[in-house]
Amino acid sequence: MIRIIFLVIALGCSAAAAAQSGWQRTLPAQGKLGVLGDPAPLPMVQVNGEALRFAPGGVIFDQSNRTIVHAALPPNASVLYTTNTNGEVQRIYILTPDEQRALERAGRR
């Protein structure tokens, strides 16, 4: 009986690990590609050499899809960003090399 319980737990853990290894995040279709510049004081952010205002309540996602603070933005990172109706940066996604290649192949430069 104990062996059966152990087997069920082991199979459950291996299934969960297999599911996580194939994880892929969904990036917004209306996003714009850019490269971060030098760090700028909040609420500004440098993208493609242009100073843009970071929206109140804006969110930054790192390559593992975790949220990070403005001060943790890595300079010269490739990003996909979205803007709100006021033209402020609403979301920033720091791209993995695979995501960047996929977007470039899709013609989103």
PDB file of N, CA and C in Angstrom:
ATOM      1  N   MET A   1       0.822  -1.196   0.000  1.00  0.00           N
ATOM      2  CA  MET A   1       0.000   0.000   0.000  1.00  0.00           C
ATOM      3  C   MET A   1       0.867   1.261   0.000  1.00  0.00           C
ATOM      4  N   ILE A   2       1.927   1.250   0.797  1.00  0.00           N
ATOM      5  CA  ILE A   2       2.821   2.407   0.850  1.00  0.00           C
ATOM      6  C   ILE A   2       3.515   2.607  -0.491  1.00  0.00           C
ATOM      7  N   ARG A   3       3.860   1.518  -1.157  1.00  0.00           N
ATOM      8  CA  ARG A   3       4.509   1.619  -2.467  1.00  0.00           C
ATOM      9  C   ARG A   3       3.571   2.260  -3.488  1.00  0.00           C
ATOM     10  N   ILE A   4       2.310   1.922  -3.431  1.00  0.00           N
ATOM     11  CA  ILE A   4       1.338   2.503  -4.360  1.00  0.00           C
ATOM     12  C   ILE A   4       1.202   4.000  -4.116  1.00  0.00           C
ATOM     13  N   ILE A   5       1.132   4.397  -2.865  1.00  0.00           N
ATOM     14  CA  ILE A   5       1.032   5.822  -2.530  1.00  0.00           C
ATOM     15  C   ILE A   5       2.288   6.556  -3.001  1.00  0.00           C
ATOM     16  N   PHE A   6       3.450   5.972  -2.765  1.00  0.00           N
ATOM     17  CA  PHE A   6       4.701   6.588  -3.213  1.00  0.00           C
ATOM     18  C   PHE A   6       4.733   6.710  -4.731  1.00  0.00           C
ATOM     19  N   LEU A   7       4.272   5.679  -5.437  1.00  0.00           N
ATOM     20  CA  LEU A   7       4.243   5.694  -6.900  1.00  0.00           C
ATOM     21  C   LEU A   7       3.318   6.787  -7.416  1.00  0.00           C
ATOM     22  N   VAL A   8       2.157   6.949  -6.820  1.00  0.00           N
ATOM     23  CA  VAL A   8       1.211   7.988  -7.228  1.00  0.00           C
ATOM     24  C   VAL A   8       1.813   9.376  -7.011  1.00  0.00           C
ATOM     25  N   ILE A   9       2.462   9.583  -5.886  1.00  0.00           N
ATOM     26  CA  ILE A   9       3.093  10.876  -5.600  1.00  0.00           C
ATOM     27  C   ILE A   9       4.223  11.141  -6.591  1.00  0.00           C
ATOM     28  N   ALA A  10       5.043  10.146  -6.883  1.00  0.00           N
ATOM     29  CA  ALA A  10       6.151  10.313  -7.821  1.00  0.00           C
ATOM     30  C   ALA A  10       5.647  10.634  -9.221  1.00  0.00           C
ATOM     31  N   LEU A  11       4.609   9.959  -9.662  1.00  0.00           N
ATOM     32  CA  LEU A  11       4.039  10.240 -10.985  1.00  0.00           C
ATOM     33  C   LEU A  11       3.441  11.642 -11.049  1.00  0.00           C
ATOM     34  N   GLY A  12       2.805  12.064  -9.986  1.00  0.00           N
ATOM     35  CA  GLY A  12       2.243  13.415  -9.941  1.00  0.00           C
ATOM     36  C   GLY A  12       3.319  14.477 -10.021  1.00  0.00           C
ATOM     37  N   CYS A  13       4.413  14.272  -9.310  1.00  0.00           N
ATOM     38  CA  CYS A  13       5.518  15.234  -9.332  1.00  0.00           C
ATOM     39  C   CYS A  13       6.178  15.286 -10.708  1.00  0.00           C
ATOM     40  N   SER A  14       6.357  14.143 -11.344  1.00  0.00           N
ATOM     41  CA  SER A  14       6.995  14.130 -12.660  1.00  0.00           C
ATOM     42  C   SER A  14       6.094  14.764 -13.705  1.00  0.00           C
ATOM     43  N   ALA A  15       4.785  14.597 -13.586  1.00  0.00           N
ATOM     44  CA  ALA A  15       3.859  15.237 -14.526  1.00  0.00           C
ATOM     45  C   ALA A  15       3.884  16.749 -14.363  1.00  0.00           C
ATOM     46  N   ALA A  16       3.959  17.215 -13.130  1.00  0.00           N
ATOM     47  CA  ALA A  16       4.027  18.659 -12.885  1.00  0.00           C
ATOM     48  C   ALA A  16       5.323  19.241 -13.431  1.00  0.00           C
ATOM     49  N   ALA A  17       6.422  18.539 -13.258  1.00  0.00           N
ATOM     50  CA  ALA A  17       7.713  19.025 -13.777  1.00  0.00           C
ATOM     51  C   ALA A  17       7.707  19.059 -15.296  1.00  0.00           C
ATOM     52  N   ALA A  18       7.120  18.073 -15.930  1.00  0.00           N
ATOM     53  CA  ALA A  18       7.050  18.041 -17.395  1.00  0.00           C
ATOM     54  C   ALA A  18       6.181  19.183 -17.919  1.00  0.00           C
ATOM     55  N   ALA A  19       5.112  19.490 -17.221  1.00  0.00           N
ATOM     56  CA  ALA A  19       4.230  20.575 -17.652  1.00  0.00           C
ATOM     57  C   ALA A  19       4.937  21.922 -17.556  1.00  0.00           C
ATOM     58  N   GLN A  20       5.750  22.127 -16.532  1.00  0.00           N
ATOM     59  CA  GLN A  20       6.443  23.394 -16.367  1.00  0.00           C
ATOM     60  C   GLN A  20       7.567  23.569 -17.362  1.00  0.00           C
ATOM     61  N   SER A  21       8.187  22.499 -17.814  1.00  0.00           N
ATOM     62  CA  SER A  21       9.302  22.628 -18.744  1.00  0.00           C
ATOM     63  C   SER A  21       8.842  23.134 -20.102  1.00  0.00           C
ATOM     64  N   GLY A  22       7.584  22.954 -20.453  1.00  0.00           N
ATOM     65  CA  GLY A  22       7.061  23.413 -21.726  1.00  0.00           C
ATOM     66  C   GLY A  22       6.372  24.758 -21.629  1.00  0.00           C
ATOM     67  N   TRP A  23       6.569  25.468 -20.531  1.00  0.00           N
ATOM     68  CA  TRP A  23       5.907  26.738 -20.278  1.00  0.00           C
ATOM     69  C   TRP A  23       6.318  27.792 -21.292  1.00  0.00           C
ATOM     70  N   GLN A  24       5.354  28.560 -21.766  1.00  0.00           N
ATOM     71  CA  GLN A  24       5.623  29.659 -22.681  1.00  0.00           C
ATOM     72  C   GLN A  24       4.646  30.776 -22.353  1.00  0.00           C
ATOM     73  N   ARG A  25       5.140  32.000 -22.251  1.00  0.00           N
ATOM     74  CA  ARG A  25       4.244  33.102 -21.928  1.00  0.00           C
ATOM     75  C   ARG A  25       3.650  33.693 -23.202  1.00  0.00           C
ATOM     76  N   THR A  26       2.519  34.326 -23.050  1.00  0.00           N
ATOM     77  CA  THR A  26       1.842  34.958 -24.165  1.00  0.00           C
ATOM     78  C   THR A  26       2.175  36.444 -24.156  1.00  0.00           C
ATOM     79  N   LEU A  27       2.720  36.928 -25.264  1.00  0.00           N
ATOM     80  CA  LEU A  27       3.062  38.338 -25.388  1.00  0.00           C
ATOM     81  C   LEU A  27       1.942  39.064 -26.127  1.00  0.00           C
ATOM     82  N   PRO A  28       1.696  40.328 -25.796  1.00  0.00           N
ATOM     83  CA  PRO A  28       0.598  41.057 -26.434  1.00  0.00           C
ATOM     84  C   PRO A  28       0.865  41.307 -27.922  1.00  0.00           C
ATOM     85  N   ALA A  29      -0.157  41.127 -28.732  1.00  0.00           N
ATOM     86  CA  ALA A  29      -0.032  41.309 -30.179  1.00  0.00           C
ATOM     87  C   ALA A  29       0.219  42.770 -30.551  1.00  0.00           C
ATOM     88  N   GLN A  30      -0.280  43.706 -29.763  1.00  0.00           N
ATOM     89  CA  GLN A  30      -0.131  45.127 -30.080  1.00  0.00           C
ATOM     90  C   GLN A  30       1.156  45.730 -29.532  1.00  0.00           C
ATOM     91  N   GLY A  31       2.037  44.890 -28.979  1.00  0.00           N
ATOM     92  CA  GLY A  31       3.290  45.380 -28.395  1.00  0.00           C
ATOM     93  C   GLY A  31       4.257  45.901 -29.445  1.00  0.00           C
ATOM     94  N   LYS A  32       5.155  46.770 -28.988  1.00  0.00           N
ATOM     95  CA  LYS A  32       6.186  47.345 -29.847  1.00  0.00           C
ATOM     96  C   LYS A  32       7.547  46.866 -29.363  1.00  0.00           C
ATOM     97  N   LEU A  33       8.413  46.530 -30.302  1.00  0.00           N
ATOM     98  CA  LEU A  33       9.765  46.098 -29.946  1.00  0.00           C
ATOM     99  C   LEU A  33      10.639  47.304 -29.648  1.00  0.00           C
ATOM    100  N   GLY A  34      11.554  47.126 -28.718  1.00  0.00           N
ATOM    101  CA  GLY A  34      12.471  48.200 -28.386  1.00  0.00           C
ATOM    102  C   GLY A  34      13.673  47.675 -27.629  1.00  0.00           C
ATOM    103  N   VAL A  35      14.602  48.597 -27.389  1.00  0.00           N
ATOM    104  CA  VAL A  35      15.794  48.307 -26.601  1.00  0.00           C
ATOM    105  C   VAL A  35      15.862  49.343 -25.494  1.00  0.00           C
ATOM    106  N   LEU A  36      16.029  48.872 -24.276  1.00  0.00           N
ATOM    107  CA  LEU A  36      16.127  49.795 -23.143  1.00  0.00           C
ATOM    108  C   LEU A  36      17.422  50.581 -23.233  1.00  0.00           C
ATOM    109  N   GLY A  37      17.361  51.816 -22.776  1.00  0.00           N
ATOM    110  CA  GLY A  37      18.553  52.647 -22.725  1.00  0.00           C
ATOM    111  C   GLY A  37      19.085  52.732 -21.310  1.00  0.00           C
ATOM    112  N   ASP A  38      19.803  53.804 -21.047  1.00  0.00           N
ATOM    113  CA  ASP A  38      20.348  54.030 -19.707  1.00  0.00           C
ATOM    114  C   ASP A  38      19.218  54.200 -18.706  1.00  0.00           C
ATOM    115  N   PRO A  39      19.469  53.843 -17.451  1.00  0.00           N
ATOM    116  CA  PRO A  39      18.433  54.019 -16.429  1.00  0.00           C
ATOM    117  C   PRO A  39      17.996  55.478 -16.337  1.00  0.00           C
ATOM    118  N   ALA A  40      16.708  55.666 -16.176  1.00  0.00           N
ATOM    119  CA  ALA A  40      16.133  57.003 -16.042  1.00  0.00           C
ATOM    120  C   ALA A  40      15.350  57.063 -14.736  1.00  0.00           C
ATOM    121  N   PRO A  41      15.258  58.261 -14.133  1.00  0.00           N
ATOM    122  CA  PRO A  41      14.497  58.356 -12.878  1.00  0.00           C
ATOM    123  C   PRO A  41      13.004  58.112 -13.130  1.00  0.00           C
ATOM    124  N   LEU A  42      12.376  57.454 -12.177  1.00  0.00           N
ATOM    125  CA  LEU A  42      10.940  57.205 -12.242  1.00  0.00           C
ATOM    126  C   LEU A  42      10.210  58.533 -12.337  1.00  0.00           C
ATOM    127  N   PRO A  43       9.270  58.765 -13.183  1.00  0.00           N
ATOM    128  CA  PRO A  43       8.460  57.842 -13.959  1.00  0.00           C
ATOM    129  C   PRO A  43       8.915  57.698 -15.422  1.00  0.00           C
ATOM    130  N   MET A  44      10.148  57.992 -15.723  1.00  0.00           N
ATOM    131  CA  MET A  44      10.607  57.906 -17.110  1.00  0.00           C
ATOM    132  C   MET A  44      11.326  56.580 -17.356  1.00  0.00           C
ATOM    133  N   VAL A  45      11.313  56.166 -18.626  1.00  0.00           N
ATOM    134  CA  VAL A  45      12.025  54.970 -19.050  1.00  0.00           C
ATOM    135  C   VAL A  45      12.573  55.252 -20.448  1.00  0.00           C
ATOM    136  N   GLN A  46      13.806  54.845 -20.699  1.00  0.00           N
ATOM    137  CA  GLN A  46      14.434  55.045 -22.007  1.00  0.00           C
ATOM    138  C   GLN A  46      14.183  53.819 -22.882  1.00  0.00           C
ATOM    139  N   VAL A  47      13.530  54.011 -24.013  1.00  0.00           N
ATOM    140  CA  VAL A  47      13.298  52.933 -24.968  1.00  0.00           C
ATOM    141  C   VAL A  47      13.654  53.461 -26.350  1.00  0.00           C
ATOM    142  N   ASN A  48      14.545  52.771 -27.033  1.00  0.00           N
ATOM    143  CA  ASN A  48      15.003  53.165 -28.372  1.00  0.00           C
ATOM    144  C   ASN A  48      15.532  54.598 -28.393  1.00  0.00           C
ATOM    145  N   GLY A  49      16.216  54.988 -27.332  1.00  0.00           N
ATOM    146  CA  GLY A  49      16.801  56.324 -27.254  1.00  0.00           C
ATOM    147  C   GLY A  49      15.808  57.432 -26.967  1.00  0.00           C
ATOM    148  N   GLU A  50      14.570  57.084 -26.710  1.00  0.00           N
ATOM    149  CA  GLU A  50      13.521  58.071 -26.447  1.00  0.00           C
ATOM    150  C   GLU A  50      13.053  57.954 -24.998  1.00  0.00           C
ATOM    151  N   ALA A  51      12.905  59.084 -24.329  1.00  0.00           N
ATOM    152  CA  ALA A  51      12.413  59.082 -22.953  1.00  0.00           C
ATOM    153  C   ALA A  51      10.887  59.002 -22.979  1.00  0.00           C
ATOM    154  N   LEU A  52      10.348  57.920 -22.426  1.00  0.00           N
ATOM    155  CA  LEU A  52       8.903  57.718 -22.369  1.00  0.00           C
ATOM    156  C   LEU A  52       8.464  57.704 -20.913  1.00  0.00           C
ATOM    157  N   ARG A  53       7.237  58.140 -20.679  1.00  0.00           N
ATOM    158  CA  ARG A  53       6.700  58.149 -19.326  1.00  0.00           C
ATOM    159  C   ARG A  53       6.130  56.769 -18.997  1.00  0.00           C
ATOM    160  N   PHE A  54       6.496  56.260 -17.825  1.00  0.00           N
ATOM    161  CA  PHE A  54       5.986  54.989 -17.336  1.00  0.00           C
ATOM    162  C   PHE A  54       4.664  55.262 -16.627  1.00  0.00           C
ATOM    163  N   ALA A  55       3.611  54.602 -17.036  1.00  0.00           N
ATOM    164  CA  ALA A  55       2.263  54.859 -16.523  1.00  0.00           C
ATOM    165  C   ALA A  55       2.132  54.485 -15.050  1.00  0.00           C
ATOM    166  N   PRO A  56       1.309  55.230 -14.308  1.00  0.00           N
ATOM    167  CA  PRO A  56       1.001  54.816 -12.949  1.00  0.00           C
ATOM    168  C   PRO A  56       0.340  53.438 -12.997  1.00  0.00           C
ATOM    169  N   GLY A  57       0.815  52.523 -12.199  1.00  0.00           N
ATOM    170  CA  GLY A  57       0.276  51.161 -12.212  1.00  0.00           C
ATOM    171  C   GLY A  57       0.857  50.294 -13.312  1.00  0.00           C
ATOM    172  N   GLY A  58       1.844  50.815 -14.038  1.00  0.00           N
ATOM    173  CA  GLY A  58       2.499  50.026 -15.077  1.00  0.00           C
ATOM    174  C   GLY A  58       3.237  48.843 -14.473  1.00  0.00           C
ATOM    175  N   VAL A  59       3.426  47.800 -15.267  1.00  0.00           N
ATOM    176  CA  VAL A  59       4.038  46.574 -14.768  1.00  0.00           C
ATOM    177  C   VAL A  59       5.201  46.182 -15.675  1.00  0.00           C
ATOM    178  N   ILE A  60       6.269  45.700 -15.051  1.00  0.00           N
ATOM    179  CA  ILE A  60       7.452  45.238 -15.783  1.00  0.00           C
ATOM    180  C   ILE A  60       7.610  43.750 -15.494  1.00  0.00           C
ATOM    181  N   PHE A  61       7.754  42.958 -16.572  1.00  0.00           N
ATOM    182  CA  PHE A  61       7.937  41.513 -16.445  1.00  0.00           C
ATOM    183  C   PHE A  61       9.340  41.149 -16.893  1.00  0.00           C
ATOM    184  N   ASP A  62      10.049  40.353 -16.078  1.00  0.00           N
ATOM    185  CA  ASP A  62      11.388  39.900 -16.465  1.00  0.00           C
ATOM    186  C   ASP A  62      11.277  38.700 -17.398  1.00  0.00           C
ATOM    187  N   GLN A  63      12.395  38.094 -17.733  1.00  0.00           N
ATOM    188  CA  GLN A  63      12.405  36.981 -18.680  1.00  0.00           C
ATOM    189  C   GLN A  63      11.712  35.727 -18.155  1.00  0.00           C
ATOM    190  N   SER A  64      11.537  35.642 -16.842  1.00  0.00           N
ATOM    191  CA  SER A  64      10.829  34.514 -16.235  1.00  0.00           C
ATOM    192  C   SER A  64       9.381  34.854 -15.933  1.00  0.00           C
ATOM    193  N   ASN A  65       8.918  35.988 -16.444  1.00  0.00           N
ATOM    194  CA  ASN A  65       7.549  36.479 -16.277  1.00  0.00           C
ATOM    195  C   ASN A  65       7.220  36.867 -14.841  1.00  0.00           C
ATOM    196  N   ARG A  66       8.251  37.205 -14.070  1.00  0.00           N
ATOM    197  CA  ARG A  66       8.048  37.723 -12.716  1.00  0.00           C
ATOM    198  C   ARG A  66       8.008  39.246 -12.817  1.00  0.00           C
ATOM    199  N   THR A  67       7.248  39.887 -11.952  1.00  0.00           N
ATOM    200  CA  THR A  67       7.234  41.350 -11.953  1.00  0.00           C
ATOM    201  C   THR A  67       8.469  41.868 -11.228  1.00  0.00           C
ATOM    202  N   ILE A  68       9.027  42.941 -11.773  1.00  0.00           N
ATOM    203  CA  ILE A  68      10.195  43.582 -11.162  1.00  0.00           C
ATOM    204  C   ILE A  68       9.921  45.076 -11.035  1.00  0.00           C
ATOM    205  N   VAL A  69      10.725  45.753 -10.246  1.00  0.00           N
ATOM    206  CA  VAL A  69      10.567  47.188 -10.051  1.00  0.00           C
ATOM    207  C   VAL A  69      11.358  47.958 -11.108  1.00  0.00           C
ATOM    208  N   HIS A  70      10.988  49.200 -11.291  1.00  0.00           N
ATOM    209  CA  HIS A  70      11.603  50.081 -12.285  1.00  0.00           C
ATOM    210  C   HIS A  70      13.124  50.142 -12.140  1.00  0.00           C
ATOM    211  N   ALA A  71      13.601  50.182 -10.910  1.00  0.00           N
ATOM    212  CA  ALA A  71      15.044  50.291 -10.658  1.00  0.00           C
ATOM    213  C   ALA A  71      15.813  49.046 -11.105  1.00  0.00           C
ATOM    214  N   ALA A  72      15.127  47.928 -11.324  1.00  0.00           N
ATOM    215  CA  ALA A  72      15.788  46.687 -11.719  1.00  0.00           C
ATOM    216  C   ALA A  72      15.839  46.495 -13.240  1.00  0.00           C
ATOM    217  N   LEU A  73      15.416  47.502 -14.010  1.00  0.00           N
ATOM    218  CA  LEU A  73      15.453  47.378 -15.468  1.00  0.00           C
ATOM    219  C   LEU A  73      16.903  47.256 -15.942  1.00  0.00           C
ATOM    220  N   PRO A  74      17.215  46.214 -16.698  1.00  0.00           N
ATOM    221  CA  PRO A  74      18.586  46.049 -17.189  1.00  0.00           C
ATOM    222  C   PRO A  74      18.828  46.914 -18.431  1.00  0.00           C
ATOM    223  N   PRO A  75      19.882  47.719 -18.457  1.00  0.00           N
ATOM    224  CA  PRO A  75      20.151  48.526 -19.643  1.00  0.00           C
ATOM    225  C   PRO A  75      20.462  47.647 -20.847  1.00  0.00           C
ATOM    226  N   ASN A  76      20.112  48.122 -22.014  1.00  0.00           N
ATOM    227  CA  ASN A  76      20.367  47.456 -23.298  1.00  0.00           C
ATOM    228  C   ASN A  76      19.627  46.140 -23.472  1.00  0.00           C
ATOM    229  N   ALA A  77      18.582  45.905 -22.724  1.00  0.00           N
ATOM    230  CA  ALA A  77      17.787  44.682 -22.869  1.00  0.00           C
ATOM    231  C   ALA A  77      16.755  44.868 -23.968  1.00  0.00           C
ATOM    232  N   SER A  78      16.496  43.814 -24.717  1.00  0.00           N
ATOM    233  CA  SER A  78      15.435  43.837 -25.725  1.00  0.00           C
ATOM    234  C   SER A  78      14.103  43.667 -25.017  1.00  0.00           C
ATOM    235  N   VAL A  79      13.141  44.499 -25.392  1.00  0.00           N
ATOM    236  CA  VAL A  79      11.844  44.479 -24.726  1.00  0.00           C
ATOM    237  C   VAL A  79      10.707  44.551 -25.728  1.00  0.00           C
ATOM    238  N   LEU A  80       9.550  44.151 -25.274  1.00  0.00           N
ATOM    239  CA  LEU A  80       8.293  44.379 -25.962  1.00  0.00           C
ATOM    240  C   LEU A  80       7.488  45.215 -24.982  1.00  0.00           C
ATOM    241  N   TYR A  81       6.918  46.326 -25.443  1.00  0.00           N
ATOM    242  CA  TYR A  81       6.183  47.182 -24.517  1.00  0.00           C
ATOM    243  C   TYR A  81       4.854  47.604 -25.116  1.00  0.00           C
ATOM    244  N   THR A  82       3.926  47.912 -24.243  1.00  0.00           N
ATOM    245  CA  THR A  82       2.619  48.405 -24.665  1.00  0.00           C
ATOM    246  C   THR A  82       2.397  49.771 -24.034  1.00  0.00           C
ATOM    247  N   THR A  83       1.562  50.555 -24.682  1.00  0.00           N
ATOM    248  CA  THR A  83       1.237  51.888 -24.175  1.00  0.00           C
ATOM    249  C   THR A  83      -0.266  51.983 -23.927  1.00  0.00           C
ATOM    250  N   ASN A  84      -0.628  52.910 -23.071  1.00  0.00           N
ATOM    251  CA  ASN A  84      -2.050  53.144 -22.806  1.00  0.00           C
ATOM    252  C   ASN A  84      -2.563  54.248 -23.740  1.00  0.00           C
ATOM    253  N   THR A  85      -3.792  54.690 -23.536  1.00  0.00           N
ATOM    254  CA  THR A  85      -4.392  55.700 -24.416  1.00  0.00           C
ATOM    255  C   THR A  85      -3.706  57.063 -24.309  1.00  0.00           C
ATOM    256  N   ASN A  86      -2.971  57.295 -23.225  1.00  0.00           N
ATOM    257  CA  ASN A  86      -2.243  58.558 -23.060  1.00  0.00           C
ATOM    258  C   ASN A  86      -0.831  58.487 -23.639  1.00  0.00           C
ATOM    259  N   GLY A  87      -0.444  57.351 -24.195  1.00  0.00           N
ATOM    260  CA  GLY A  87       0.897  57.185 -24.746  1.00  0.00           C
ATOM    261  C   GLY A  87       1.940  56.812 -23.710  1.00  0.00           C
ATOM    262  N   GLU A  88       1.509  56.522 -22.488  1.00  0.00           N
ATOM    263  CA  GLU A  88       2.435  56.119 -21.433  1.00  0.00           C
ATOM    264  C   GLU A  88       2.686  54.613 -21.519  1.00  0.00           C
ATOM    265  N   VAL A  89       3.892  54.200 -21.141  1.00  0.00           N
ATOM    266  CA  VAL A  89       4.244  52.779 -21.173  1.00  0.00           C
ATOM    267  C   VAL A  89       3.487  52.067 -20.061  1.00  0.00           C
ATOM    268  N   GLN A  90       2.645  51.113 -20.448  1.00  0.00           N
ATOM    269  CA  GLN A  90       1.801  50.392 -19.497  1.00  0.00           C
ATOM    270  C   GLN A  90       2.421  49.072 -19.056  1.00  0.00           C
ATOM    271  N   ARG A  91       3.026  48.344 -19.995  1.00  0.00           N
ATOM    272  CA  ARG A  91       3.640  47.047 -19.703  1.00  0.00           C
ATOM    273  C   ARG A  91       4.968  46.952 -20.445  1.00  0.00           C
ATOM    274  N   ILE A  92       5.951  46.371 -19.765  1.00  0.00           N
ATOM    275  CA  ILE A  92       7.250  46.092 -20.380  1.00  0.00           C
ATOM    276  C   ILE A  92       7.543  44.614 -20.160  1.00  0.00           C
ATOM    277  N   TYR A  93       7.870  43.918 -21.244  1.00  0.00           N
ATOM    278  CA  TYR A  93       8.252  42.509 -21.187  1.00  0.00           C
ATOM    279  C   TYR A  93       9.708  42.414 -21.622  1.00  0.00           C
ATOM    280  N   ILE A  94      10.599  42.025 -20.718  1.00  0.00           N
ATOM    281  CA  ILE A  94      12.002  41.806 -21.084  1.00  0.00           C
ATOM    282  C   ILE A  94      12.049  40.467 -21.810  1.00  0.00           C
ATOM    283  N   LEU A  95      12.534  40.492 -23.041  1.00  0.00           N
ATOM    284  CA  LEU A  95      12.465  39.319 -23.908  1.00  0.00           C
ATOM    285  C   LEU A  95      13.614  38.349 -23.688  1.00  0.00           C
ATOM    286  N   THR A  96      13.303  37.078 -23.814  1.00  0.00           N
ATOM    287  CA  THR A  96      14.336  36.053 -23.849  1.00  0.00           C
ATOM    288  C   THR A  96      14.890  36.039 -25.278  1.00  0.00           C
ATOM    289  N   PRO A  97      16.082  35.499 -25.484  1.00  0.00           N
ATOM    290  CA  PRO A  97      16.615  35.419 -26.852  1.00  0.00           C
ATOM    291  C   PRO A  97      15.678  34.661 -27.801  1.00  0.00           C
ATOM    292  N   ASP A  98      15.029  33.611 -27.330  1.00  0.00           N
ATOM    293  CA  ASP A  98      14.092  32.847 -28.167  1.00  0.00           C
ATOM    294  C   ASP A  98      12.888  33.688 -28.563  1.00  0.00           C
ATOM    295  N   GLU A  99      12.345  34.451 -27.623  1.00  0.00           N
ATOM    296  CA  GLU A  99      11.202  35.313 -27.920  1.00  0.00           C
ATOM    297  C   GLU A  99      11.586  36.392 -28.925  1.00  0.00           C
ATOM    298  N   GLN A 100      12.774  36.967 -28.746  1.00  0.00           N
ATOM    299  CA  GLN A 100      13.230  37.999 -29.663  1.00  0.00           C
ATOM    300  C   GLN A 100      13.376  37.443 -31.083  1.00  0.00           C
ATOM    301  N   ARG A 101      13.983  36.265 -31.216  1.00  0.00           N
ATOM    302  CA  ARG A 101      14.131  35.646 -32.540  1.00  0.00           C
ATOM    303  C   ARG A 101      12.773  35.348 -33.167  1.00  0.00           C
ATOM    304  N   ALA A 102      11.836  34.851 -32.374  1.00  0.00           N
ATOM    305  CA  ALA A 102      10.505  34.530 -32.892  1.00  0.00           C
ATOM    306  C   ALA A 102       9.788  35.787 -33.381  1.00  0.00           C
ATOM    307  N   LEU A 103       9.903  36.877 -32.644  1.00  0.00           N
ATOM    308  CA  LEU A 103       9.261  38.126 -33.063  1.00  0.00           C
ATOM    309  C   LEU A 103       9.922  38.688 -34.317  1.00  0.00           C
ATOM    310  N   GLU A 104      11.238  38.577 -34.411  1.00  0.00           N
ATOM    311  CA  GLU A 104      11.937  39.062 -35.605  1.00  0.00           C
ATOM    312  C   GLU A 104      11.570  38.218 -36.823  1.00  0.00           C
ATOM    313  N   ARG A 105      11.443  36.898 -36.638  1.00  0.00           N
ATOM    314  CA  ARG A 105      11.033  36.026 -37.747  1.00  0.00           C
ATOM    315  C   ARG A 105       9.617  36.359 -38.203  1.00  0.00           C
ATOM    316  N   ALA A 106       8.775  36.788 -37.268  1.00  0.00           N
ATOM    317  CA  ALA A 106       7.390  37.129 -37.611  1.00  0.00           C
ATOM    318  C   ALA A 106       7.294  38.513 -38.248  1.00  0.00           C
ATOM    319  N   GLY A 107       8.442  39.180 -38.422  1.00  0.00           N
ATOM    320  CA  GLY A 107       8.437  40.490 -39.067  1.00  0.00           C
ATOM    321  C   GLY A 107       8.175  41.651 -38.143  1.00  0.00           C
ATOM    322  N   ARG A 108       8.278  41.462 -36.854  1.00  0.00           N
ATOM    323  CA  ARG A 108       8.047  42.534 -35.879  1.00  0.00           C
ATOM    324  C   ARG A 108       9.367  43.101 -35.425  1.00  0.00           C
ATOM    325  N   ARG A 109       9.923  44.006 -36.165  1.00  0.00           N
ATOM    326  CA  ARG A 109      11.236  44.578 -35.803  1.00  0.00           C
ATOM    327  C   ARG A 109      11.092  45.910 -35.164  1.00  0.00           C
TER     328      ARG A 109
END
